Amino acid sequence: MRIVLDTNVLVSGILSPHGPPGRILDLAVRGDLHVLYDDRILAEYREVLGRPKFALRPEDVAQVLGQLERTGEAVSASPVSVTLKDEDDLPFLEVSVSGASDALITGNAADLEPVRGSHGARVVSPRELMDEITQPADPSPGPRK
């Protein structure tokens, strides 16, 4: 599954590894989820994870981001014709659309609701993604009588 991982999910996954964001991060680091990114997203990840309030060791941050880069895919994103409440979220949307992701995972779906225009990206919460991943496949119908 090809996903774009919003920074809030990455931070939550590192700080609280046992909830849905942590499970998603584990799957992404293992390469079971294919994370799409561009330079803007990686720069935001580095900046946010480097903030003193999170007290994360730089070598741990480098290891996680390095693994995401190795197992993920760099995308050359094209601009999308939408206006968002927070324009800082635009790179995530552009990478999702340009990279044809299966989902953009965020804890703040409302921030990705267009104020103007539309984007067609599938935006889901970490819980929604985990529910989707962990649901057993529909059993095939048995023989007819």
Protein backbone atom coordinates (compact mmCIF):
# COMPACT_ATOMS: atom_id res chain seq x y z
CA MET A 1 0.00 0.00 0.00
CA ARG A 2 1.33 3.40 -1.02
CA ILE A 3 0.80 6.08 1.62
CA VAL A 4 1.78 9.62 2.50
CA LEU A 5 2.45 10.05 6.19
CA ASP A 6 1.56 13.41 7.73
CA THR A 7 4.10 14.68 10.24
CA ASN A 8 1.61 14.49 13.13
CA VAL A 9 1.27 10.73 12.57
CA LEU A 10 5.04 10.27 12.41
CA VAL A 11 5.54 12.18 15.67
CA SER A 12 2.71 10.29 17.39
CA GLY A 13 4.12 7.00 16.15
CA ILE A 14 7.52 7.71 17.65
CA LEU A 15 6.22 9.11 20.95
CA SER A 16 3.45 6.52 21.46
CA PRO A 17 4.56 3.35 19.68
CA HIS A 18 1.65 1.15 20.80
CA GLY A 19 -1.28 3.01 19.19
CA PRO A 20 -2.31 3.11 15.52
CA PRO A 21 0.33 5.72 14.55
CA GLY A 22 3.05 3.55 16.11
CA ARG A 23 1.83 0.46 14.32
CA ILE A 24 1.74 2.37 11.02
CA LEU A 25 5.28 3.61 11.59
CA ASP A 26 6.44 0.04 12.31
CA LEU A 27 4.86 -1.17 9.06
CA ALA A 28 6.42 1.72 7.16
CA VAL A 29 9.91 1.18 8.58
CA ARG A 30 9.68 -2.53 7.71
CA GLY A 31 8.62 -1.61 4.19
CA ASP A 32 5.16 -3.21 4.49
CA LEU A 33 3.70 0.24 3.80
CA HIS A 34 5.37 2.18 1.01
CA VAL A 35 5.80 5.80 2.17
CA LEU A 36 5.85 8.48 -0.52
CA TYR A 37 7.75 11.70 0.19
CA ASP A 38 9.57 14.63 -1.34
CA ASP A 39 12.32 16.94 -0.09
CA ARG A 40 9.79 19.31 1.52
CA ILE A 41 8.23 16.51 3.54
CA LEU A 42 11.60 15.15 4.67
CA ALA A 43 12.67 18.67 5.69
CA GLU A 44 9.50 19.07 7.76
CA TYR A 45 10.01 15.67 9.39
CA ARG A 46 13.57 16.64 10.35
CA GLU A 47 12.59 20.08 11.63
CA VAL A 48 9.65 18.89 13.72
CA LEU A 49 11.36 15.80 15.13
CA GLY A 50 14.37 17.95 16.05
CA ARG A 51 12.34 20.24 18.30
CA PRO A 52 13.58 20.21 21.90
CA LYS A 53 10.08 19.55 23.31
CA PHE A 54 10.18 16.01 21.87
CA ALA A 55 13.62 15.25 23.36
CA LEU A 56 14.45 12.77 20.60
CA ARG A 57 18.04 11.76 20.05
CA PRO A 58 19.28 13.02 16.67
CA GLU A 59 20.73 9.60 15.82
CA ASP A 60 17.33 7.96 16.45
CA VAL A 61 15.61 10.51 14.20
CA ALA A 62 18.24 9.96 11.50
CA GLN A 63 17.78 6.19 11.73
CA VAL A 64 13.97 6.34 11.38
CA LEU A 65 14.06 8.86 8.52
CA GLY A 66 16.84 6.96 6.77
CA GLN A 67 14.79 3.77 6.90
CA LEU A 68 11.69 5.56 5.59
CA GLU A 69 13.76 6.88 2.68
CA ARG A 70 15.19 3.42 1.92
CA THR A 71 11.83 1.64 2.00
CA GLY A 72 9.77 4.50 0.55
CA GLU A 73 9.70 6.41 -2.69
CA ALA A 74 10.72 9.94 -3.57
CA VAL A 75 8.04 11.66 -5.64
CA SER A 76 8.46 14.65 -7.91
CA ALA A 77 5.22 16.39 -6.98
CA SER A 78 3.24 18.67 -9.24
CA PRO A 79 1.19 21.56 -7.87
CA VAL A 80 -2.51 20.96 -7.20
CA SER A 81 -5.15 23.62 -7.71
CA VAL A 82 -6.59 23.79 -4.23
CA THR A 83 -6.51 26.17 -1.32
CA LEU A 84 -6.16 24.66 2.16
CA LYS A 85 -6.68 26.28 5.55
CA ASP A 86 -3.00 25.64 6.28
CA GLU A 87 -0.81 25.89 3.19
CA ASP A 88 1.94 24.00 5.07
CA ASP A 89 -0.11 20.85 4.40
CA LEU A 90 0.05 21.34 0.63
CA PRO A 91 3.25 19.29 0.07
CA PHE A 92 1.59 16.22 1.60
CA LEU A 93 -1.41 16.62 -0.66
CA GLU A 94 0.72 17.23 -3.75
CA VAL A 95 2.84 14.13 -3.09
CA SER A 96 -0.28 12.06 -2.46
CA VAL A 97 -1.90 13.13 -5.73
CA SER A 98 1.28 13.07 -7.85
CA GLY A 99 2.42 9.74 -6.43
CA ALA A 100 -1.02 8.13 -6.79
CA SER A 101 -1.02 7.12 -3.13
CA ASP A 102 -3.65 4.80 -1.75
CA ALA A 103 -4.08 7.10 1.25
CA LEU A 104 -2.81 10.20 2.96
CA ILE A 105 -2.64 9.36 6.68
CA THR A 106 -3.24 12.24 9.09
CA GLY A 107 -4.58 12.96 12.53
CA ASN A 108 -6.04 16.22 11.21
CA ALA A 109 -8.22 15.33 8.23
CA ALA A 110 -10.10 18.63 8.51
CA ASP A 111 -6.88 20.49 7.67
CA LEU A 112 -6.84 18.78 4.27
CA GLU A 113 -10.40 19.74 3.37
CA PRO A 114 -10.10 22.20 0.49
CA VAL A 115 -11.26 25.75 1.10
CA ARG A 116 -11.31 26.13 -2.68
CA GLY A 117 -10.96 23.48 -5.38
CA SER A 118 -10.80 19.71 -5.01
CA HIS A 119 -7.98 17.20 -4.96
CA GLY A 120 -9.33 13.63 -5.09
CA ALA A 121 -6.82 12.31 -2.54
CA ARG A 122 -8.05 9.74 -0.06
CA VAL A 123 -7.45 11.14 3.44
CA VAL A 124 -7.79 8.75 6.40
CA SER A 125 -6.94 8.66 10.09
CA PRO A 126 -4.39 6.23 11.52
CA ARG A 127 -7.22 4.25 13.13
CA GLU A 128 -9.10 3.99 9.81
CA LEU A 129 -5.99 2.70 8.06
CA MET A 130 -5.28 0.13 10.76
CA ASP A 131 -8.90 -1.05 10.70
CA GLU A 132 -8.61 -1.47 6.95
CA ILE A 133 -5.32 -3.36 7.17
CA THR A 134 -6.37 -5.67 9.98
CA GLN A 135 -9.85 -6.59 8.71
CA PRO A 136 -9.87 -10.15 7.48
CA ALA A 137 -10.49 -10.58 3.80
CA ASP A 138 -14.04 -11.41 2.85
CA PRO A 139 -14.41 -15.16 2.65
CA SER A 140 -15.21 -16.43 -0.77
CA PRO A 141 -18.73 -17.72 -1.15
CA GLY A 142 -19.10 -21.45 -0.64
CA PRO A 143 -20.56 -23.81 -3.17
CA ARG A 144 -24.20 -23.27 -4.01
CA LYS A 145 -26.71 -25.87 -3.05
